[in-house]
N, C-alpha and C. Protein backbone atom coordinates (compact mmCIF):
# COMPACT_ATOMS: atom_id res chain seq x y z
N UNK A 1 10.41 -9.45 8.37
CA UNK A 1 10.84 -9.92 7.09
C UNK A 1 10.49 -8.99 6.02
N UNK A 2 11.48 -8.76 5.18
CA UNK A 2 11.29 -7.77 4.07
C UNK A 2 10.70 -8.53 2.86
N UNK A 3 9.36 -8.49 2.74
CA UNK A 3 8.69 -9.11 1.66
C UNK A 3 7.77 -8.09 0.96
N UNK A 4 7.04 -8.58 -0.04
CA UNK A 4 6.09 -7.61 -0.75
C UNK A 4 5.13 -6.98 0.17
N UNK A 5 4.60 -7.63 1.20
CA UNK A 5 3.65 -7.05 2.11
C UNK A 5 4.31 -5.89 2.90
N UNK A 6 5.55 -6.16 3.39
CA UNK A 6 6.24 -5.12 4.09
C UNK A 6 6.43 -3.87 3.27
N UNK A 7 6.95 -4.05 2.03
CA UNK A 7 7.20 -2.86 1.21
C UNK A 7 5.87 -2.18 0.78
N UNK A 8 4.81 -2.98 0.55
CA UNK A 8 3.54 -2.31 0.21
C UNK A 8 3.04 -1.45 1.36
N UNK A 9 3.29 -1.93 2.59
CA UNK A 9 2.92 -1.09 3.72
C UNK A 9 3.62 0.31 3.74
N UNK A 10 4.88 0.28 3.22
CA UNK A 10 5.65 1.49 3.12
C UNK A 10 5.05 2.40 2.03
N UNK A 11 4.56 1.78 0.96
CA UNK A 11 3.88 2.53 -0.08
C UNK A 11 2.56 3.14 0.44
N UNK A 12 1.90 2.35 1.29
CA UNK A 12 0.69 2.93 1.92
C UNK A 12 0.94 4.11 2.79
N UNK A 13 2.05 4.15 3.48
CA UNK A 13 2.47 5.36 4.22
C UNK A 13 2.52 6.55 3.30
N UNK A 14 3.15 6.35 2.16
CA UNK A 14 3.20 7.46 1.15
C UNK A 14 1.80 7.84 0.68
N UNK A 15 0.95 6.90 0.42
CA UNK A 15 -0.40 7.18 -0.02
C UNK A 15 -1.17 7.98 1.00
N UNK A 16 -1.02 7.67 2.24
CA UNK A 16 -1.65 8.50 3.33
C UNK A 16 -1.12 9.90 3.32
N UNK A 17 0.12 10.12 3.08
CA UNK A 17 0.66 11.41 2.98
C UNK A 17 0.00 12.26 1.86
N UNK A 18 -0.23 11.56 0.75
CA UNK A 18 -0.87 12.20 -0.38
C UNK A 18 -2.27 12.66 0.06
N UNK A 19 -3.02 11.72 0.71
CA UNK A 19 -4.41 12.01 1.09
C UNK A 19 -4.39 13.22 2.09
N UNK A 20 -3.40 13.32 3.01
CA UNK A 20 -3.35 14.40 3.93
C UNK A 20 -3.14 15.72 3.22
N UNK A 21 -2.56 15.72 2.07
CA UNK A 21 -2.31 16.92 1.30
C UNK A 21 -3.40 17.17 0.24
N UNK A 22 -4.48 16.42 0.26
CA UNK A 22 -5.54 16.58 -0.68
C UNK A 22 -5.30 15.96 -1.98
N UNK A 23 -4.26 15.21 -2.10
CA UNK A 23 -3.96 14.48 -3.39
C UNK A 23 -4.57 13.13 -3.41
N UNK A 24 -4.85 12.61 -4.60
CA UNK A 24 -5.40 11.28 -4.72
C UNK A 24 -4.36 10.36 -4.01
N UNK A 25 -4.81 9.52 -3.08
CA UNK A 25 -3.93 8.70 -2.23
C UNK A 25 -3.23 7.49 -2.93
N UNK A 26 -2.28 7.86 -3.77
CA UNK A 26 -1.40 6.84 -4.35
C UNK A 26 -0.02 7.03 -3.83
N UNK A 27 0.59 5.93 -3.40
CA UNK A 27 1.98 5.96 -2.81
C UNK A 27 2.77 4.94 -3.58
N UNK A 28 4.11 5.26 -3.70
CA UNK A 28 5.02 4.37 -4.38
C UNK A 28 6.38 4.42 -3.75
N UNK A 29 7.05 3.29 -3.79
CA UNK A 29 8.46 3.21 -3.33
C UNK A 29 9.20 2.33 -4.32
N UNK A 30 10.48 2.60 -4.38
CA UNK A 30 11.36 1.77 -5.24
C UNK A 30 12.34 1.08 -4.32
N UNK A 31 12.54 -0.23 -4.47
CA UNK A 31 13.37 -1.02 -3.68
C UNK A 31 14.51 -1.60 -4.56
N UNK A 32 15.70 -1.53 -4.07
CA UNK A 32 16.85 -2.09 -4.79
C UNK A 32 17.66 -2.91 -3.80
N UNK A 33 17.88 -4.16 -3.96
CA UNK A 33 18.60 -5.00 -3.04
C UNK A 33 18.13 -4.88 -1.61
N UNK A 34 16.78 -5.01 -1.44
CA UNK A 34 16.08 -4.94 -0.17
C UNK A 34 16.23 -3.69 0.55
N UNK A 35 16.56 -2.58 -0.20
CA UNK A 35 16.65 -1.27 0.51
C UNK A 35 15.80 -0.25 -0.30
N UNK A 36 15.03 0.53 0.42
CA UNK A 36 14.17 1.55 -0.23
C UNK A 36 15.10 2.71 -0.67
N UNK A 37 15.10 2.92 -1.95
CA UNK A 37 15.96 4.01 -2.51
C UNK A 37 15.12 5.25 -2.96
N UNK A 38 13.75 5.04 -3.03
CA UNK A 38 12.94 6.22 -3.35
C UNK A 38 11.58 5.99 -2.74
N UNK A 39 10.98 7.12 -2.26
CA UNK A 39 9.65 7.20 -1.75
C UNK A 39 8.93 8.33 -2.44
N UNK A 40 7.65 8.12 -2.82
CA UNK A 40 6.89 9.22 -3.49
C UNK A 40 5.41 9.02 -3.31
N UNK A 41 4.68 10.12 -3.50
CA UNK A 41 3.19 10.04 -3.60
C UNK A 41 2.75 10.99 -4.61
N UNK A 42 1.46 10.92 -4.97
CA UNK A 42 0.94 11.86 -6.01
C UNK A 42 1.18 13.30 -5.61
N UNK A 43 1.56 14.09 -6.50
CA UNK A 43 1.77 15.52 -6.34
C UNK A 43 1.16 16.38 -7.49
N UNK A 44 0.11 15.81 -8.17
CA UNK A 44 -0.47 16.45 -9.27
C UNK A 44 -1.14 17.78 -8.87
N UNK A 45 -1.80 17.84 -7.71
CA UNK A 45 -2.38 19.07 -7.27
C UNK A 45 -1.35 20.09 -6.78
N UNK A 46 -0.46 19.61 -6.02
CA UNK A 46 0.62 20.44 -5.43
C UNK A 46 1.48 21.05 -6.43
N UNK A 47 1.83 20.35 -7.49
CA UNK A 47 2.69 20.85 -8.54
C UNK A 47 1.94 21.38 -9.71
N UNK A 48 0.61 21.23 -9.76
CA UNK A 48 -0.19 21.58 -10.88
C UNK A 48 0.38 20.90 -12.12
N UNK A 49 0.51 19.60 -12.10
CA UNK A 49 1.20 18.86 -13.10
C UNK A 49 0.58 17.49 -13.27
N UNK A 50 -0.09 17.29 -14.35
CA UNK A 50 -0.82 16.01 -14.58
C UNK A 50 0.13 14.83 -14.61
N UNK A 51 1.44 15.06 -14.79
CA UNK A 51 2.36 13.94 -14.87
C UNK A 51 2.98 13.63 -13.58
N UNK A 52 2.65 14.28 -12.51
CA UNK A 52 3.32 14.13 -11.16
C UNK A 52 2.69 13.01 -10.42
N UNK A 53 2.44 11.86 -11.01
CA UNK A 53 1.91 10.67 -10.39
C UNK A 53 3.01 10.15 -9.48
N UNK A 54 2.65 9.34 -8.49
CA UNK A 54 3.52 8.76 -7.48
C UNK A 54 4.64 7.95 -8.25
N UNK A 55 4.21 7.13 -9.22
CA UNK A 55 5.12 6.26 -9.91
C UNK A 55 6.19 7.11 -10.57
N UNK A 56 5.80 8.14 -11.29
CA UNK A 56 6.73 9.00 -12.04
C UNK A 56 7.79 9.69 -10.99
N UNK A 57 7.22 10.12 -9.94
CA UNK A 57 8.07 10.70 -8.91
C UNK A 57 9.10 9.72 -8.37
N UNK A 58 8.60 8.51 -8.12
CA UNK A 58 9.45 7.44 -7.62
C UNK A 58 10.56 7.02 -8.50
N UNK A 59 10.17 6.84 -9.79
CA UNK A 59 11.14 6.43 -10.85
C UNK A 59 12.24 7.46 -10.98
N UNK A 60 11.79 8.71 -11.07
CA UNK A 60 12.81 9.84 -11.14
C UNK A 60 13.80 9.83 -9.91
N UNK A 61 13.23 9.70 -8.81
CA UNK A 61 14.10 9.69 -7.60
C UNK A 61 15.00 8.50 -7.57
N UNK A 62 14.52 7.31 -7.94
CA UNK A 62 15.34 6.13 -7.98
C UNK A 62 16.47 6.20 -8.98
N UNK A 63 16.15 6.77 -10.12
CA UNK A 63 17.20 6.86 -11.12
C UNK A 63 18.28 7.81 -10.72
N UNK A 64 17.84 8.87 -9.98
CA UNK A 64 18.85 9.87 -9.46
C UNK A 64 19.61 9.21 -8.39
N UNK A 65 19.03 8.43 -7.48
CA UNK A 65 19.77 7.70 -6.42
C UNK A 65 20.77 6.74 -6.97
N UNK A 66 20.48 6.09 -8.06
CA UNK A 66 21.37 5.10 -8.58
C UNK A 66 22.36 5.69 -9.64
N UNK A 67 22.00 6.88 -10.12
CA UNK A 67 22.92 7.50 -11.14
C UNK A 67 22.71 6.87 -12.47
N UNK A 68 21.60 6.32 -12.78
CA UNK A 68 21.31 5.63 -14.08
C UNK A 68 19.84 5.60 -14.32
N UNK A 69 19.48 5.49 -15.64
CA UNK A 69 18.03 5.49 -15.98
C UNK A 69 17.38 4.12 -15.95
N UNK A 70 18.16 3.06 -15.91
CA UNK A 70 17.60 1.71 -15.97
C UNK A 70 17.48 1.20 -14.53
N UNK A 71 16.33 0.66 -14.14
CA UNK A 71 16.02 0.17 -12.88
C UNK A 71 15.76 -1.35 -12.92
N UNK A 72 16.46 -2.12 -13.77
CA UNK A 72 16.15 -3.48 -14.04
C UNK A 72 16.43 -4.32 -12.73
N UNK A 73 17.17 -3.86 -11.82
CA UNK A 73 17.37 -4.61 -10.57
C UNK A 73 16.56 -4.09 -9.39
N UNK A 74 15.53 -3.30 -9.75
CA UNK A 74 14.66 -2.70 -8.75
C UNK A 74 13.20 -3.16 -8.85
N UNK A 75 12.51 -2.96 -7.75
CA UNK A 75 11.11 -3.28 -7.66
C UNK A 75 10.34 -1.97 -7.36
N UNK A 76 9.28 -1.65 -8.07
CA UNK A 76 8.46 -0.57 -7.81
C UNK A 76 7.16 -1.08 -7.14
N UNK A 77 6.87 -0.57 -5.92
CA UNK A 77 5.66 -0.93 -5.18
C UNK A 77 4.74 0.31 -5.27
N UNK A 78 3.55 0.06 -5.70
CA UNK A 78 2.60 1.19 -5.85
C UNK A 78 1.23 0.74 -5.39
N UNK A 79 0.48 1.54 -4.75
CA UNK A 79 -0.73 1.12 -4.11
C UNK A 79 -1.84 0.90 -5.05
N UNK A 80 -1.84 1.50 -6.21
CA UNK A 80 -2.87 1.38 -7.19
C UNK A 80 -2.20 1.03 -8.58
N UNK A 81 -2.89 0.16 -9.30
CA UNK A 81 -2.41 -0.18 -10.68
C UNK A 81 -2.01 1.13 -11.43
N UNK A 82 -0.84 1.07 -11.98
CA UNK A 82 -0.41 2.23 -12.78
C UNK A 82 -1.29 2.57 -14.03
N UNK A 83 -1.35 3.82 -14.37
CA UNK A 83 -1.99 4.19 -15.58
C UNK A 83 -1.12 3.88 -16.77
N UNK A 84 -1.58 4.10 -18.00
CA UNK A 84 -0.79 3.85 -19.18
C UNK A 84 0.48 4.73 -19.21
N UNK A 85 0.40 5.99 -18.78
CA UNK A 85 1.54 6.84 -18.77
C UNK A 85 2.64 6.29 -17.85
N UNK A 86 2.22 5.95 -16.66
CA UNK A 86 3.21 5.42 -15.68
C UNK A 86 3.71 4.00 -16.15
N UNK A 87 2.90 3.23 -16.71
CA UNK A 87 3.33 1.90 -17.24
C UNK A 87 4.35 2.10 -18.35
N UNK A 88 4.15 3.11 -19.14
CA UNK A 88 5.19 3.43 -20.16
C UNK A 88 6.55 3.75 -19.57
N UNK A 89 6.52 4.62 -18.49
CA UNK A 89 7.69 4.99 -17.80
C UNK A 89 8.39 3.78 -17.17
N UNK A 90 7.52 2.93 -16.60
CA UNK A 90 7.99 1.66 -16.00
C UNK A 90 8.76 0.86 -17.05
N UNK A 91 8.14 0.79 -18.25
CA UNK A 91 8.83 0.09 -19.35
C UNK A 91 10.11 0.67 -19.80
N UNK A 92 10.09 2.02 -19.91
CA UNK A 92 11.31 2.71 -20.35
C UNK A 92 12.45 2.51 -19.32
N UNK A 93 12.09 2.50 -18.06
CA UNK A 93 13.06 2.33 -16.97
C UNK A 93 13.49 0.84 -16.84
N UNK A 94 12.86 -0.02 -17.55
CA UNK A 94 13.07 -1.43 -17.54
C UNK A 94 13.08 -2.01 -16.11
N UNK A 95 12.08 -1.59 -15.34
CA UNK A 95 12.00 -2.09 -13.97
C UNK A 95 11.89 -3.56 -13.94
N UNK A 96 12.65 -4.18 -12.96
CA UNK A 96 12.69 -5.64 -12.85
C UNK A 96 11.37 -6.26 -12.38
N UNK A 97 10.67 -5.51 -11.53
CA UNK A 97 9.42 -5.96 -10.92
C UNK A 97 8.54 -4.90 -10.57
N UNK A 98 7.26 -5.04 -10.83
CA UNK A 98 6.17 -4.20 -10.42
C UNK A 98 5.27 -4.91 -9.51
N UNK A 99 4.99 -4.27 -8.39
CA UNK A 99 4.06 -4.80 -7.44
C UNK A 99 3.01 -3.71 -7.10
N UNK A 100 1.73 -4.08 -7.38
CA UNK A 100 0.67 -3.07 -7.09
C UNK A 100 -0.36 -3.67 -6.17
N UNK A 101 -1.02 -2.75 -5.46
CA UNK A 101 -2.08 -3.18 -4.50
C UNK A 101 -3.33 -3.49 -5.13
N UNK A 102 -4.14 -2.50 -5.41
CA UNK A 102 -5.46 -2.66 -6.01
C UNK A 102 -5.52 -2.25 -7.51
N UNK A 103 -6.30 -2.95 -8.22
CA UNK A 103 -6.50 -2.66 -9.69
C UNK A 103 -7.22 -1.31 -9.87
N UNK A 104 -7.16 -0.83 -11.07
CA UNK A 104 -7.90 0.43 -11.43
C UNK A 104 -8.62 0.10 -12.75
N UNK A 105 -9.90 -0.31 -12.60
CA UNK A 105 -10.67 -0.72 -13.75
C UNK A 105 -10.92 0.44 -14.81
N UNK A 106 -10.91 1.68 -14.25
CA UNK A 106 -11.23 2.77 -15.24
C UNK A 106 -9.98 3.31 -15.92
N UNK A 107 -8.80 3.39 -15.20
CA UNK A 107 -7.66 4.05 -15.80
C UNK A 107 -6.39 3.23 -15.82
N UNK A 108 -6.47 2.01 -15.30
CA UNK A 108 -5.29 1.15 -15.22
C UNK A 108 -4.71 0.69 -16.54
N UNK A 109 -3.41 0.49 -16.62
CA UNK A 109 -2.78 0.05 -17.89
C UNK A 109 -3.31 -1.31 -18.45
N UNK A 110 -3.73 -2.19 -17.53
CA UNK A 110 -4.21 -3.53 -17.96
C UNK A 110 -5.40 -3.35 -18.91
N UNK A 111 -6.18 -2.34 -18.68
CA UNK A 111 -7.42 -2.16 -19.53
C UNK A 111 -7.05 -1.65 -20.92
N UNK A 112 -6.10 -0.73 -21.01
CA UNK A 112 -5.80 -0.08 -22.32
C UNK A 112 -4.56 -0.64 -22.99
N UNK A 113 -3.53 -1.01 -22.24
CA UNK A 113 -2.27 -1.40 -22.88
C UNK A 113 -1.62 -2.53 -22.02
N UNK A 114 -2.23 -3.67 -21.99
CA UNK A 114 -1.71 -4.79 -21.11
C UNK A 114 -0.27 -5.28 -21.50
N UNK A 115 0.18 -4.98 -22.60
CA UNK A 115 1.47 -5.40 -23.06
C UNK A 115 2.55 -4.34 -23.09
N UNK A 116 2.28 -3.21 -22.39
CA UNK A 116 3.11 -2.05 -22.48
C UNK A 116 4.44 -2.18 -21.68
N UNK A 117 4.42 -3.06 -20.66
CA UNK A 117 5.60 -3.18 -19.82
C UNK A 117 6.78 -3.90 -20.54
N UNK A 118 7.98 -3.74 -20.03
CA UNK A 118 9.12 -4.45 -20.66
C UNK A 118 8.86 -5.92 -20.46
N UNK A 119 9.18 -6.74 -21.44
CA UNK A 119 8.89 -8.17 -21.35
C UNK A 119 9.50 -8.88 -20.20
N UNK A 120 10.57 -8.36 -19.61
CA UNK A 120 11.20 -9.01 -18.49
C UNK A 120 10.64 -8.52 -17.11
N UNK A 121 9.79 -7.54 -17.13
CA UNK A 121 9.28 -7.05 -15.83
C UNK A 121 8.30 -8.09 -15.25
N UNK A 122 8.55 -8.44 -14.04
CA UNK A 122 7.65 -9.39 -13.35
C UNK A 122 6.59 -8.53 -12.66
N UNK A 123 5.35 -8.99 -12.78
CA UNK A 123 4.23 -8.20 -12.17
C UNK A 123 3.54 -9.13 -11.15
N UNK A 124 3.33 -8.47 -9.94
CA UNK A 124 2.58 -9.07 -8.89
C UNK A 124 1.50 -8.08 -8.47
N UNK A 125 0.32 -8.50 -8.41
CA UNK A 125 -0.77 -7.62 -8.00
C UNK A 125 -1.62 -8.09 -6.82
N UNK A 126 -2.45 -7.30 -6.31
CA UNK A 126 -3.34 -7.57 -5.18
C UNK A 126 -2.57 -7.87 -3.90
N UNK A 127 -1.49 -7.14 -3.68
CA UNK A 127 -0.79 -7.13 -2.39
C UNK A 127 -1.42 -6.08 -1.51
N UNK A 128 -2.00 -6.47 -0.49
CA UNK A 128 -2.76 -5.60 0.45
C UNK A 128 -3.86 -4.79 -0.36
N UNK A 129 -4.48 -5.52 -1.29
CA UNK A 129 -5.45 -4.95 -2.16
C UNK A 129 -6.52 -4.27 -1.38
N UNK A 130 -7.07 -4.84 -0.35
CA UNK A 130 -8.21 -4.36 0.41
C UNK A 130 -7.88 -3.00 1.03
N UNK A 131 -6.66 -2.94 1.68
CA UNK A 131 -6.16 -1.74 2.32
C UNK A 131 -6.00 -0.64 1.32
N UNK A 132 -5.42 -0.93 0.19
CA UNK A 132 -5.22 0.04 -0.82
C UNK A 132 -6.49 0.55 -1.45
N UNK A 133 -7.45 -0.35 -1.70
CA UNK A 133 -8.76 0.02 -2.24
C UNK A 133 -9.59 0.90 -1.23
N UNK A 134 -9.52 0.52 0.01
CA UNK A 134 -10.23 1.22 1.04
C UNK A 134 -9.72 2.73 1.17
N UNK A 135 -8.43 2.86 1.08
CA UNK A 135 -7.88 4.21 1.14
C UNK A 135 -8.45 5.10 0.07
N UNK A 136 -8.50 4.52 -1.17
CA UNK A 136 -9.07 5.24 -2.38
C UNK A 136 -10.53 5.49 -2.12
N UNK A 137 -11.31 4.51 -1.71
CA UNK A 137 -12.75 4.61 -1.55
C UNK A 137 -13.00 5.75 -0.60
N UNK A 138 -12.34 5.68 0.58
CA UNK A 138 -12.59 6.68 1.69
C UNK A 138 -12.24 8.11 1.17
N UNK A 139 -11.18 8.18 0.42
CA UNK A 139 -10.73 9.54 -0.06
C UNK A 139 -11.85 10.08 -1.00
N UNK A 140 -12.32 9.35 -1.95
CA UNK A 140 -13.31 9.86 -2.88
C UNK A 140 -14.64 10.03 -2.17
N UNK A 141 -14.96 9.24 -1.23
CA UNK A 141 -16.22 9.44 -0.46
C UNK A 141 -16.21 10.74 0.27
N UNK A 142 -15.06 11.09 0.75
CA UNK A 142 -14.87 12.40 1.53
C UNK A 142 -15.02 13.57 0.67
N UNK A 143 -14.81 13.40 -0.65
CA UNK A 143 -14.88 14.47 -1.64
C UNK A 143 -16.23 14.76 -2.10
N UNK A 144 -17.15 13.84 -1.92
CA UNK A 144 -18.47 13.93 -2.46
C UNK A 144 -19.41 14.64 -1.53
């Protein structure tokens, strides 16, 4: 069944790819009409670009796939709560739904700008939260 758990598992696949490349393990996918139209993971180290977050990469790829900048019929699945920059991009893209795994108490948008998203964007959180959080914890533990 294609539900939020199924698609979050796909985002976790992307997050693991990021970890394998030495990137902070955040993965994202964009789904439109139950079809994955974009897959991405963090590339900030690879591209030497602080804006190359998984969400930004996924939004860009999805807009390209659809041939338009508005993603109001799409859902973004991301393993970690988006930062303010990514939440701003989510708002500008007018994403229909945002689903994230684990929260980010230090850098997540809910701490700094809880009203930044487009008013029509539906938000679902804590989907596979433990799996998403464990991936982050293990990654940072391996760096210490």
